[in-house]
Amino acid sequence: MSKVTTLINLINKKPAFITWAIFCNFSKLPLIKLMSDKFFLKLAFRISIKRRLNLKAPKTFNEKLQWLKLNDRNPEYPLLVDKFEVRKFIADKIGSQYLVQLINVYNSIDEINFGDLPEKFVIKCTHDSGSTIICRNKAGFDIENAKKKLKKNFSRNIFWQTREWPYKNIKPRIICEELLVDNSHDDLIDYKILCFNGEPKCLFLCLDRRSPSGLKVDFYDLNWNPLPFERHYPRSGRLIEKPECFKEMLDLSRILSKGIPFVRVDFYIVNKKIKFSELTFYPGSGFEEFSPESFDYLLGSWIDLSIVKKEM
């Protein structure tokens, strides 16, 4: 019996015993690549959300993200998720003043001369998620470890673990940017605005990434009222002050998300100035549970799939 068959049997008989980490490990097997995207997503959804994926009549936010993976094939999306190519889109749409300062872009690890880099910088692959390396002090920076991590991620294609098709054929590169430092916070806050066909509906903040207890995620409505739900990560339990430039962020997110059924537009605020972070079409790859589950349905109701159907 093949490892793939074993995995499928385990999922069907005892889905609660298969963790997402185990599934991701199986997803690296060459035979998994033979699965159709639809079949793969059904398996992954069963493991992560613990119920069957309804693609014929999707209702929830997570279900609709899977549907969009399969059906919304806008040819512009690969450029928008490429961490280097998206910079031109941002400059054209809202202006280059919102971009983080570019230090360099490399086609291979061997091109990087770490001695030429500034004392503080951020370096990451352009074609994936999770490869970010932060240098806060070059004197104590482990260059060999950084090269090892970049090499591992440079050859990785995250499409096979998530079936997020925009990532499938992106040319791997490495981008180095200025390290953003805000004088009012020890760690930057991520402002992530959820936009539905060009209209922001809510947002969440990512906090405490460097804390011993780990990442916290707080959801807010557009009036800056905390929303009473969690999505995979716990809330911080504190109220963050609404930034003075919040309206400007919302206006920018409307411009960047126009005509897109769903996209998350991410910003930083650095010394009261807005800086663009990234565009995300499938937050958590659509595999992160809501608590209470009713909010999975509420956010799902804001995604109008007919926009895609009319264009296909």
C-alpha atoms as a PDB file:
ATOM      1  CA  MET A   1       0.000   0.000   0.000  1.00  0.00           C
ATOM      2  CA  SER A   2       1.413   3.398  -0.995  1.00  0.00           C
ATOM      3  CA  LYS A   3       1.931   6.229   1.462  1.00  0.00           C
ATOM      4  CA  VAL A   4      -0.733   8.250  -0.365  1.00  0.00           C
ATOM      5  CA  THR A   5      -3.307   5.457  -0.001  1.00  0.00           C
ATOM      6  CA  THR A   6      -2.397   5.115   3.676  1.00  0.00           C
ATOM      7  CA  LEU A   7      -2.922   8.827   4.178  1.00  0.00           C
ATOM      8  CA  ILE A   8      -6.325   8.818   2.461  1.00  0.00           C
ATOM      9  CA  ASN A   9      -7.488   5.833   4.515  1.00  0.00           C
ATOM     10  CA  LEU A  10      -6.412   7.511   7.759  1.00  0.00           C
ATOM     11  CA  ILE A  11      -8.221  10.715   6.838  1.00  0.00           C
ATOM     12  CA  ASN A  12     -11.430   8.889   5.972  1.00  0.00           C
ATOM     13  CA  LYS A  13     -11.407   6.706   9.084  1.00  0.00           C
ATOM     14  CA  LYS A  14      -9.907   9.001  11.719  1.00  0.00           C
ATOM     15  CA  PRO A  15      -9.581  12.571  10.419  1.00  0.00           C
ATOM     16  CA  ALA A  16      -9.128  13.977  13.939  1.00  0.00           C
ATOM     17  CA  PHE A  17      -5.856  12.060  14.343  1.00  0.00           C
ATOM     18  CA  ILE A  18      -4.190  13.565  11.282  1.00  0.00           C
ATOM     19  CA  THR A  19      -2.676  16.939  12.110  1.00  0.00           C
ATOM     20  CA  TRP A  20      -1.947  19.688   9.626  1.00  0.00           C
ATOM     21  CA  ALA A  21       1.789  19.230  10.264  1.00  0.00           C
ATOM     22  CA  ILE A  22       1.549  15.536   9.360  1.00  0.00           C
ATOM     23  CA  PHE A  23      -0.384  16.316   6.208  1.00  0.00           C
ATOM     24  CA  CYS A  24       2.127  18.973   5.131  1.00  0.00           C
ATOM     25  CA  ASN A  25       4.874  16.398   5.551  1.00  0.00           C
ATOM     26  CA  PHE A  26       2.957  13.943   3.337  1.00  0.00           C
ATOM     27  CA  SER A  27       2.317  16.720   0.803  1.00  0.00           C
ATOM     28  CA  LYS A  28       6.041  16.806  -0.012  1.00  0.00           C
ATOM     29  CA  LEU A  29       5.834  13.299  -1.493  1.00  0.00           C
ATOM     30  CA  PRO A  30       6.170  13.198  -5.302  1.00  0.00           C
ATOM     31  CA  LEU A  31       2.976  11.127  -5.616  1.00  0.00           C
ATOM     32  CA  ILE A  32       0.940  13.857  -3.925  1.00  0.00           C
ATOM     33  CA  LYS A  33       1.706  16.077  -6.912  1.00  0.00           C
ATOM     34  CA  LEU A  34      -0.328  13.684  -9.047  1.00  0.00           C
ATOM     35  CA  MET A  35      -3.486  14.577  -7.121  1.00  0.00           C
ATOM     36  CA  SER A  36      -5.802  17.046  -8.775  1.00  0.00           C
ATOM     37  CA  ASP A  37      -6.048  20.412  -7.057  1.00  0.00           C
ATOM     38  CA  LYS A  38      -9.674  19.737  -6.146  1.00  0.00           C
ATOM     39  CA  PHE A  39      -8.939  16.369  -4.558  1.00  0.00           C
ATOM     40  CA  PHE A  40      -5.952  17.745  -2.662  1.00  0.00           C
ATOM     41  CA  LEU A  41      -7.961  20.679  -1.283  1.00  0.00           C
ATOM     42  CA  LYS A  42     -10.744  18.379  -0.116  1.00  0.00           C
ATOM     43  CA  LEU A  43      -8.252  16.298   1.844  1.00  0.00           C
ATOM     44  CA  ALA A  44      -6.496  19.322   3.297  1.00  0.00           C
ATOM     45  CA  PHE A  45      -9.790  20.958   4.281  1.00  0.00           C
ATOM     46  CA  ARG A  46     -11.006  17.801   6.020  1.00  0.00           C
ATOM     47  CA  ILE A  47      -7.818  17.731   8.092  1.00  0.00           C
ATOM     48  CA  SER A  48      -7.596  21.414   8.971  1.00  0.00           C
ATOM     49  CA  ILE A  49     -11.263  22.396   9.389  1.00  0.00           C
ATOM     50  CA  LYS A  50     -12.470  18.907  10.408  1.00  0.00           C
ATOM     51  CA  ARG A  51     -15.376  18.751   7.986  1.00  0.00           C
ATOM     52  CA  ARG A  52     -16.063  18.171   4.316  1.00  0.00           C
ATOM     53  CA  LEU A  53     -15.370  20.901   1.784  1.00  0.00           C
ATOM     54  CA  ASN A  54     -18.456  22.062  -0.107  1.00  0.00           C
ATOM     55  CA  LEU A  55     -17.301  23.346  -3.490  1.00  0.00           C
ATOM     56  CA  LYS A  56     -20.683  23.109  -5.243  1.00  0.00           C
ATOM     57  CA  ALA A  57     -22.332  25.641  -2.929  1.00  0.00           C
ATOM     58  CA  PRO A  58     -19.615  27.137  -0.704  1.00  0.00           C
ATOM     59  CA  LYS A  59     -20.904  29.259   2.179  1.00  0.00           C
ATOM     60  CA  THR A  60     -18.041  29.924   4.569  1.00  0.00           C
ATOM     61  CA  PHE A  61     -14.999  32.148   4.182  1.00  0.00           C
ATOM     62  CA  ASN A  62     -12.680  29.138   4.202  1.00  0.00           C
ATOM     63  CA  GLU A  63     -14.775  27.249   1.650  1.00  0.00           C
ATOM     64  CA  LYS A  64     -14.912  30.216  -0.695  1.00  0.00           C
ATOM     65  CA  LEU A  65     -11.152  30.683  -0.539  1.00  0.00           C
ATOM     66  CA  GLN A  66     -10.764  27.091  -1.780  1.00  0.00           C
ATOM     67  CA  TRP A  67     -13.294  27.781  -4.546  1.00  0.00           C
ATOM     68  CA  LEU A  68     -11.356  30.887  -5.555  1.00  0.00           C
ATOM     69  CA  LYS A  69      -8.127  28.882  -5.747  1.00  0.00           C
ATOM     70  CA  LEU A  70      -9.774  26.633  -8.331  1.00  0.00           C
ATOM     71  CA  ASN A  71     -11.786  29.172 -10.303  1.00  0.00           C
ATOM     72  CA  ASP A  72     -10.396  32.696 -10.083  1.00  0.00           C
ATOM     73  CA  ARG A  73      -7.381  32.510 -12.369  1.00  0.00           C
ATOM     74  CA  ASN A  74      -6.732  36.205 -12.941  1.00  0.00           C
ATOM     75  CA  PRO A  75      -3.377  36.300 -14.813  1.00  0.00           C
ATOM     76  CA  GLU A  76      -2.326  39.361 -12.792  1.00  0.00           C
ATOM     77  CA  TYR A  77      -2.282  37.474  -9.470  1.00  0.00           C
ATOM     78  CA  PRO A  78       1.191  35.876  -9.863  1.00  0.00           C
ATOM     79  CA  LEU A  79       2.706  39.340 -10.243  1.00  0.00           C
ATOM     80  CA  LEU A  80       0.833  40.585  -7.176  1.00  0.00           C
ATOM     81  CA  VAL A  81       2.115  37.831  -4.885  1.00  0.00           C
ATOM     82  CA  ASP A  82       5.698  38.119  -6.150  1.00  0.00           C
ATOM     83  CA  LYS A  83       7.420  40.244  -3.498  1.00  0.00           C
ATOM     84  CA  PHE A  84       9.539  42.029  -6.092  1.00  0.00           C
ATOM     85  CA  GLU A  85       7.141  42.367  -9.017  1.00  0.00           C
ATOM     86  CA  VAL A  86       4.334  43.742  -6.816  1.00  0.00           C
ATOM     87  CA  ARG A  87       6.423  46.848  -6.153  1.00  0.00           C
ATOM     88  CA  LYS A  88       5.720  48.193  -9.664  1.00  0.00           C
ATOM     89  CA  PHE A  89       1.987  47.605  -9.174  1.00  0.00           C
ATOM     90  CA  ILE A  90       2.047  49.517  -5.887  1.00  0.00           C
ATOM     91  CA  ALA A  91       4.067  52.398  -7.332  1.00  0.00           C
ATOM     92  CA  ASP A  92       1.668  52.694 -10.286  1.00  0.00           C
ATOM     93  CA  LYS A  93      -1.504  52.438  -8.202  1.00  0.00           C
ATOM     94  CA  ILE A  94      -0.789  54.463  -5.070  1.00  0.00           C
ATOM     95  CA  GLY A  95       2.768  55.810  -5.366  1.00  0.00           C
ATOM     96  CA  SER A  96       6.306  54.695  -4.594  1.00  0.00           C
ATOM     97  CA  GLN A  97       6.291  56.602  -1.282  1.00  0.00           C
ATOM     98  CA  TYR A  98       4.384  53.662   0.226  1.00  0.00           C
ATOM     99  CA  LEU A  99       7.085  51.135  -0.673  1.00  0.00           C
ATOM    100  CA  VAL A 100       9.716  49.890   1.740  1.00  0.00           C
ATOM    101  CA  GLN A 101      13.144  50.980   0.532  1.00  0.00           C
ATOM    102  CA  LEU A 102      14.688  48.367  -1.763  1.00  0.00           C
ATOM    103  CA  ILE A 103      18.325  47.462  -1.126  1.00  0.00           C
ATOM    104  CA  ASN A 104      18.762  44.813  -3.821  1.00  0.00           C
ATOM    105  CA  VAL A 105      17.235  41.824  -5.569  1.00  0.00           C
ATOM    106  CA  TYR A 106      19.208  38.661  -6.359  1.00  0.00           C
ATOM    107  CA  ASN A 107      18.722  35.757  -8.751  1.00  0.00           C
ATOM    108  CA  SER A 108      20.693  33.381  -6.538  1.00  0.00           C
ATOM    109  CA  ILE A 109      22.140  33.122  -3.042  1.00  0.00           C
ATOM    110  CA  ASP A 110      25.663  33.284  -4.476  1.00  0.00           C
ATOM    111  CA  GLU A 111      24.983  36.842  -5.697  1.00  0.00           C
ATOM    112  CA  ILE A 112      24.505  38.142  -2.138  1.00  0.00           C
ATOM    113  CA  ASN A 113      27.473  39.959  -0.643  1.00  0.00           C
ATOM    114  CA  PHE A 114      26.482  40.269   3.009  1.00  0.00           C
ATOM    115  CA  GLY A 115      29.458  42.531   3.642  1.00  0.00           C
ATOM    116  CA  ASP A 116      27.907  45.200   1.413  1.00  0.00           C
ATOM    117  CA  LEU A 117      24.566  45.179   3.251  1.00  0.00           C
ATOM    118  CA  PRO A 118      23.700  47.820   5.874  1.00  0.00           C
ATOM    119  CA  GLU A 119      23.753  47.164   9.614  1.00  0.00           C
ATOM    120  CA  LYS A 120      20.004  46.426   9.624  1.00  0.00           C
ATOM    121  CA  PHE A 121      18.001  44.799   6.849  1.00  0.00           C
ATOM    122  CA  VAL A 122      15.305  42.275   5.924  1.00  0.00           C
ATOM    123  CA  ILE A 123      15.999  39.551   3.387  1.00  0.00           C
ATOM    124  CA  LYS A 124      13.547  36.964   2.016  1.00  0.00           C
ATOM    125  CA  CYS A 125      12.557  34.948  -1.015  1.00  0.00           C
ATOM    126  CA  THR A 126      10.184  36.585  -3.475  1.00  0.00           C
ATOM    127  CA  HIS A 127       8.174  33.476  -4.351  1.00  0.00           C
ATOM    128  CA  ASP A 128       7.088  31.994  -1.024  1.00  0.00           C
ATOM    129  CA  SER A 129       5.821  32.707   2.476  1.00  0.00           C
ATOM    130  CA  GLY A 130       7.727  32.388   5.734  1.00  0.00           C
ATOM    131  CA  SER A 131      11.301  32.851   4.517  1.00  0.00           C
ATOM    132  CA  THR A 132      11.820  36.296   6.055  1.00  0.00           C
ATOM    133  CA  ILE A 133      15.144  36.819   7.851  1.00  0.00           C
ATOM    134  CA  ILE A 134      15.636  39.956   9.957  1.00  0.00           C
ATOM    135  CA  CYS A 135      19.041  41.402  10.739  1.00  0.00           C
ATOM    136  CA  ARG A 136      18.898  43.922  13.598  1.00  0.00           C
ATOM    137  CA  ASN A 137      22.644  44.013  14.188  1.00  0.00           C
ATOM    138  CA  LYS A 138      25.052  42.742  11.551  1.00  0.00           C
ATOM    139  CA  ALA A 139      27.781  42.204  14.151  1.00  0.00           C
ATOM    140  CA  GLY A 140      25.801  39.330  15.652  1.00  0.00           C
ATOM    141  CA  PHE A 141      24.183  38.132  12.442  1.00  0.00           C
ATOM    142  CA  ASP A 142      24.643  34.454  11.555  1.00  0.00           C
ATOM    143  CA  ILE A 143      25.349  34.626   7.837  1.00  0.00           C
ATOM    144  CA  GLU A 144      25.781  30.875   7.352  1.00  0.00           C
ATOM    145  CA  ASN A 145      22.457  30.135   9.027  1.00  0.00           C
ATOM    146  CA  ALA A 146      20.783  32.783   6.875  1.00  0.00           C
ATOM    147  CA  LYS A 147      22.234  31.226   3.720  1.00  0.00           C
ATOM    148  CA  LYS A 148      21.032  27.801   4.846  1.00  0.00           C
ATOM    149  CA  LYS A 149      17.480  29.045   5.384  1.00  0.00           C
ATOM    150  CA  LEU A 150      17.423  30.941   2.093  1.00  0.00           C
ATOM    151  CA  LYS A 151      18.744  27.908   0.215  1.00  0.00           C
ATOM    152  CA  LYS A 152      16.025  25.706   1.692  1.00  0.00           C
ATOM    153  CA  ASN A 153      13.261  28.146   0.792  1.00  0.00           C
ATOM    154  CA  PHE A 154      14.722  29.082  -2.590  1.00  0.00           C
ATOM    155  CA  SER A 155      14.064  25.588  -3.911  1.00  0.00           C
ATOM    156  CA  ARG A 156      10.636  25.287  -2.273  1.00  0.00           C
ATOM    157  CA  ASN A 157       7.424  25.706  -4.257  1.00  0.00           C
ATOM    158  CA  ILE A 158       4.622  26.363  -1.769  1.00  0.00           C
ATOM    159  CA  PHE A 159       1.996  25.655  -4.421  1.00  0.00           C
ATOM    160  CA  TRP A 160       2.289  21.935  -3.717  1.00  0.00           C
ATOM    161  CA  GLN A 161       1.443  22.414  -0.021  1.00  0.00           C
ATOM    162  CA  THR A 162      -1.467  24.818  -0.486  1.00  0.00           C
ATOM    163  CA  ARG A 163      -2.482  24.665  -4.183  1.00  0.00           C
ATOM    164  CA  GLU A 164      -2.439  28.463  -4.258  1.00  0.00           C
ATOM    165  CA  TRP A 165      -1.951  28.601  -8.011  1.00  0.00           C
ATOM    166  CA  PRO A 166      -0.486  32.169  -8.246  1.00  0.00           C
ATOM    167  CA  TYR A 167       2.706  30.841  -6.616  1.00  0.00           C
ATOM    168  CA  LYS A 168       3.184  27.881  -8.935  1.00  0.00           C
ATOM    169  CA  ASN A 169       5.360  29.427 -11.630  1.00  0.00           C
ATOM    170  CA  ILE A 170       6.941  32.426  -9.923  1.00  0.00           C
ATOM    171  CA  LYS A 171      10.647  32.792 -10.667  1.00  0.00           C
ATOM    172  CA  PRO A 172      12.547  32.316  -7.366  1.00  0.00           C
ATOM    173  CA  ARG A 173      14.573  35.346  -6.342  1.00  0.00           C
ATOM    174  CA  ILE A 174      15.745  36.967  -3.130  1.00  0.00           C
ATOM    175  CA  ILE A 175      14.869  40.506  -2.117  1.00  0.00           C
ATOM    176  CA  CYS A 176      16.607  42.652   0.468  1.00  0.00           C
ATOM    177  CA  GLU A 177      14.837  45.670   1.946  1.00  0.00           C
ATOM    178  CA  GLU A 178      15.281  48.257   4.655  1.00  0.00           C
ATOM    179  CA  LEU A 179      14.415  47.115   8.182  1.00  0.00           C
ATOM    180  CA  LEU A 180      11.481  49.230   9.349  1.00  0.00           C
ATOM    181  CA  VAL A 181      11.816  50.589  12.880  1.00  0.00           C
ATOM    182  CA  ASP A 182       9.008  52.494  14.606  1.00  0.00           C
ATOM    183  CA  ASN A 183       9.989  54.781  17.457  1.00  0.00           C
ATOM    184  CA  SER A 184       6.745  54.149  19.355  1.00  0.00           C
ATOM    185  CA  HIS A 185       6.766  50.305  19.311  1.00  0.00           C
ATOM    186  CA  ASP A 186       9.392  47.680  20.044  1.00  0.00           C
ATOM    187  CA  ASP A 187       7.892  45.517  17.317  1.00  0.00           C
ATOM    188  CA  LEU A 188       5.954  46.571  14.230  1.00  0.00           C
ATOM    189  CA  ILE A 189       2.205  45.984  14.150  1.00  0.00           C
ATOM    190  CA  ASP A 190       0.796  44.420  10.974  1.00  0.00           C
ATOM    191  CA  TYR A 191      -2.445  46.050   9.816  1.00  0.00           C
ATOM    192  CA  LYS A 192      -4.235  43.542   7.589  1.00  0.00           C
ATOM    193  CA  ILE A 193      -7.366  44.824   5.858  1.00  0.00           C
ATOM    194  CA  LEU A 194      -9.845  42.316   4.457  1.00  0.00           C
ATOM    195  CA  CYS A 195     -11.313  43.640   1.212  1.00  0.00           C
ATOM    196  CA  PHE A 196     -14.283  42.244  -0.692  1.00  0.00           C
ATOM    197  CA  ASN A 197     -14.687  43.401  -4.300  1.00  0.00           C
ATOM    198  CA  GLY A 198     -12.856  46.621  -3.524  1.00  0.00           C
ATOM    199  CA  GLU A 199     -14.491  47.341  -0.181  1.00  0.00           C
ATOM    200  CA  PRO A 200     -12.775  46.855   3.181  1.00  0.00           C
ATOM    201  CA  LYS A 201     -15.099  45.172   5.687  1.00  0.00           C
ATOM    202  CA  CYS A 202     -12.863  44.489   8.683  1.00  0.00           C
ATOM    203  CA  LEU A 203      -9.225  44.121   9.603  1.00  0.00           C
ATOM    204  CA  PHE A 204      -6.932  42.371  12.013  1.00  0.00           C
ATOM    205  CA  LEU A 205      -3.691  43.253  13.748  1.00  0.00           C
ATOM    206  CA  CYS A 206      -0.785  40.878  14.269  1.00  0.00           C
ATOM    207  CA  LEU A 207       0.855  41.452  17.637  1.00  0.00           C
ATOM    208  CA  ASP A 208       3.548  39.983  19.882  1.00  0.00           C
ATOM    209  CA  ARG A 209       5.367  37.996  17.185  1.00  0.00           C
ATOM    210  CA  ARG A 210       8.560  38.069  19.242  1.00  0.00           C
ATOM    211  CA  SER A 211       6.935  37.416  22.620  1.00  0.00           C
ATOM    212  CA  PRO A 212       7.415  34.129  24.543  1.00  0.00           C
ATOM    213  CA  SER A 213       3.695  33.388  24.192  1.00  0.00           C
ATOM    214  CA  GLY A 214       3.745  33.869  20.436  1.00  0.00           C
ATOM    215  CA  LEU A 215       1.593  35.605  17.833  1.00  0.00           C
ATOM    216  CA  LYS A 216      -1.713  37.238  18.808  1.00  0.00           C
ATOM    217  CA  VAL A 217      -4.385  38.303  16.320  1.00  0.00           C
ATOM    218  CA  ASP A 218      -7.056  40.918  17.066  1.00  0.00           C
ATOM    219  CA  PHE A 219      -9.966  41.603  14.693  1.00  0.00           C
ATOM    220  CA  TYR A 220     -11.642  45.029  14.450  1.00  0.00           C
ATOM    221  CA  ASP A 221     -14.545  46.444  12.466  1.00  0.00           C
ATOM    222  CA  LEU A 222     -14.113  49.651  10.470  1.00  0.00           C
ATOM    223  CA  ASN A 223     -15.251  51.744  13.434  1.00  0.00           C
ATOM    224  CA  TRP A 224     -12.360  50.257  15.411  1.00  0.00           C
ATOM    225  CA  ASN A 225     -14.586  48.125  17.628  1.00  0.00           C
ATOM    226  CA  PRO A 226     -13.005  44.787  18.607  1.00  0.00           C
ATOM    227  CA  LEU A 227     -14.777  41.839  16.976  1.00  0.00           C
ATOM    228  CA  PRO A 228     -15.685  38.884  19.241  1.00  0.00           C
ATOM    229  CA  PHE A 229     -14.025  36.013  17.429  1.00  0.00           C
ATOM    230  CA  GLU A 230     -10.689  34.334  16.889  1.00  0.00           C
ATOM    231  CA  ARG A 231      -9.193  32.741  13.806  1.00  0.00           C
ATOM    232  CA  HIS A 232      -6.648  30.100  14.725  1.00  0.00           C
ATOM    233  CA  TYR A 233      -4.571  32.477  16.880  1.00  0.00           C
ATOM    234  CA  PRO A 234      -5.617  33.868  20.284  1.00  0.00           C
ATOM    235  CA  ARG A 235      -6.562  37.496  20.882  1.00  0.00           C
ATOM    236  CA  SER A 236      -4.133  39.747  22.721  1.00  0.00           C
ATOM    237  CA  GLY A 237      -6.654  40.851  25.335  1.00  0.00           C
ATOM    238  CA  ARG A 238      -5.829  44.513  24.944  1.00  0.00           C
ATOM    239  CA  LEU A 239      -7.168  47.428  22.924  1.00  0.00           C
ATOM    240  CA  ILE A 240      -4.771  48.976  20.423  1.00  0.00           C
ATOM    241  CA  GLU A 241      -5.291  52.650  19.679  1.00  0.00           C
ATOM    242  CA  LYS A 242      -6.674  53.443  16.231  1.00  0.00           C
ATOM    243  CA  PRO A 243      -3.906  54.978  14.109  1.00  0.00           C
ATOM    244  CA  GLU A 244      -4.307  58.545  12.894  1.00  0.00           C
ATOM    245  CA  CYS A 245      -3.818  57.436   9.295  1.00  0.00           C
ATOM    246  CA  PHE A 246      -6.453  54.678   9.451  1.00  0.00           C
ATOM    247  CA  LYS A 247      -8.764  56.366   6.926  1.00  0.00           C
ATOM    248  CA  GLU A 248      -5.855  56.731   4.514  1.00  0.00           C
ATOM    249  CA  MET A 249      -5.100  53.012   4.856  1.00  0.00           C
ATOM    250  CA  LEU A 250      -8.725  52.181   4.046  1.00  0.00           C
ATOM    251  CA  ASP A 251      -8.660  54.448   0.997  1.00  0.00           C
ATOM    252  CA  LEU A 252      -5.451  52.831  -0.234  1.00  0.00           C
ATOM    253  CA  SER A 253      -6.880  49.350   0.300  1.00  0.00           C
ATOM    254  CA  ARG A 254      -9.903  50.260  -1.846  1.00  0.00           C
ATOM    255  CA  ILE A 255      -7.634  51.256  -4.714  1.00  0.00           C
ATOM    256  CA  LEU A 256      -5.473  48.121  -4.468  1.00  0.00           C
ATOM    257  CA  SER A 257      -8.392  45.679  -4.132  1.00  0.00           C
ATOM    258  CA  LYS A 258     -10.694  47.102  -6.810  1.00  0.00           C
ATOM    259  CA  GLY A 259     -12.290  44.376  -8.937  1.00  0.00           C
ATOM    260  CA  ILE A 260     -10.908  41.502  -6.854  1.00  0.00           C
ATOM    261  CA  PRO A 261     -13.475  39.188  -5.173  1.00  0.00           C
ATOM    262  CA  PHE A 262     -11.339  38.956  -2.061  1.00  0.00           C
ATOM    263  CA  VAL A 263      -7.856  40.115  -1.114  1.00  0.00           C
ATOM    264  CA  ARG A 264      -6.148  41.062   2.117  1.00  0.00           C
ATOM    265  CA  VAL A 265      -4.167  44.290   1.876  1.00  0.00           C
ATOM    266  CA  ASP A 266      -1.364  44.553   4.449  1.00  0.00           C
ATOM    267  CA  PHE A 267       0.347  47.673   5.735  1.00  0.00           C
ATOM    268  CA  TYR A 268       2.783  48.803   8.401  1.00  0.00           C
ATOM    269  CA  ILE A 269       2.783  52.180  10.099  1.00  0.00           C
ATOM    270  CA  VAL A 270       6.298  53.461  10.706  1.00  0.00           C
ATOM    271  CA  ASN A 271       6.624  56.750  12.568  1.00  0.00           C
ATOM    272  CA  LYS A 272       3.115  57.712  11.427  1.00  0.00           C
ATOM    273  CA  LYS A 273       3.851  56.878   7.784  1.00  0.00           C
ATOM    274  CA  ILE A 274       2.126  54.046   5.918  1.00  0.00           C
ATOM    275  CA  LYS A 275       4.244  51.375   4.246  1.00  0.00           C
ATOM    276  CA  PHE A 276       2.878  48.601   2.042  1.00  0.00           C
ATOM    277  CA  SER A 277       3.579  45.028   3.144  1.00  0.00           C
ATOM    278  CA  GLU A 278       1.863  42.546   0.810  1.00  0.00           C
ATOM    279  CA  LEU A 279      -1.298  41.347  -0.910  1.00  0.00           C
ATOM    280  CA  THR A 280      -2.705  38.012   0.225  1.00  0.00           C
ATOM    281  CA  PHE A 281      -5.437  36.194  -1.683  1.00  0.00           C
ATOM    282  CA  TYR A 282      -5.839  33.182   0.619  1.00  0.00           C
ATOM    283  CA  PRO A 283      -5.141  34.067   4.291  1.00  0.00           C
ATOM    284  CA  GLY A 284      -4.040  30.991   6.181  1.00  0.00           C
ATOM    285  CA  SER A 285      -4.575  29.258   2.820  1.00  0.00           C
ATOM    286  CA  GLY A 286      -8.235  28.952   3.854  1.00  0.00           C
ATOM    287  CA  PHE A 287      -7.315  26.302   6.424  1.00  0.00           C
ATOM    288  CA  GLU A 288      -7.641  28.306   9.671  1.00  0.00           C
ATOM    289  CA  GLU A 289     -10.645  27.710  11.897  1.00  0.00           C
ATOM    290  CA  PHE A 290     -12.929  30.421  13.309  1.00  0.00           C
ATOM    291  CA  SER A 291     -14.191  30.493  16.880  1.00  0.00           C
ATOM    292  CA  PRO A 292     -17.136  30.849  17.014  1.00  0.00           C
ATOM    293  CA  GLU A 293     -17.740  29.239  13.617  1.00  0.00           C
ATOM    294  CA  SER A 294     -20.572  31.672  12.808  1.00  0.00           C
ATOM    295  CA  PHE A 295     -17.970  34.245  11.768  1.00  0.00           C
ATOM    296  CA  ASP A 296     -16.670  31.849   9.108  1.00  0.00           C
ATOM    297  CA  TYR A 297     -20.148  32.120   7.587  1.00  0.00           C
ATOM    298  CA  LEU A 298     -20.386  35.884   8.103  1.00  0.00           C
ATOM    299  CA  LEU A 299     -17.123  36.658   6.315  1.00  0.00           C
ATOM    300  CA  GLY A 300     -18.014  34.081   3.703  1.00  0.00           C
ATOM    301  CA  SER A 301     -21.252  35.944   2.967  1.00  0.00           C
ATOM    302  CA  TRP A 302     -19.171  38.986   1.977  1.00  0.00           C
ATOM    303  CA  ILE A 303     -17.423  37.133  -0.882  1.00  0.00           C
ATOM    304  CA  ASP A 304     -19.486  37.386  -4.067  1.00  0.00           C
ATOM    305  CA  LEU A 305     -18.420  34.498  -6.287  1.00  0.00           C
ATOM    306  CA  SER A 306     -20.684  35.633  -9.119  1.00  0.00           C
ATOM    307  CA  ILE A 307     -18.063  38.264  -9.931  1.00  0.00           C
ATOM    308  CA  VAL A 308     -15.726  35.461 -10.961  1.00  0.00           C
ATOM    309  CA  LYS A 309     -18.403  33.452 -12.760  1.00  0.00           C
ATOM    310  CA  LYS A 310     -19.315  36.426 -14.967  1.00  0.00           C
ATOM    311  CA  GLU A 311     -15.695  36.838 -16.024  1.00  0.00           C
ATOM    312  CA  MET A 312     -14.994  33.170 -16.773  1.00  0.00           C
END
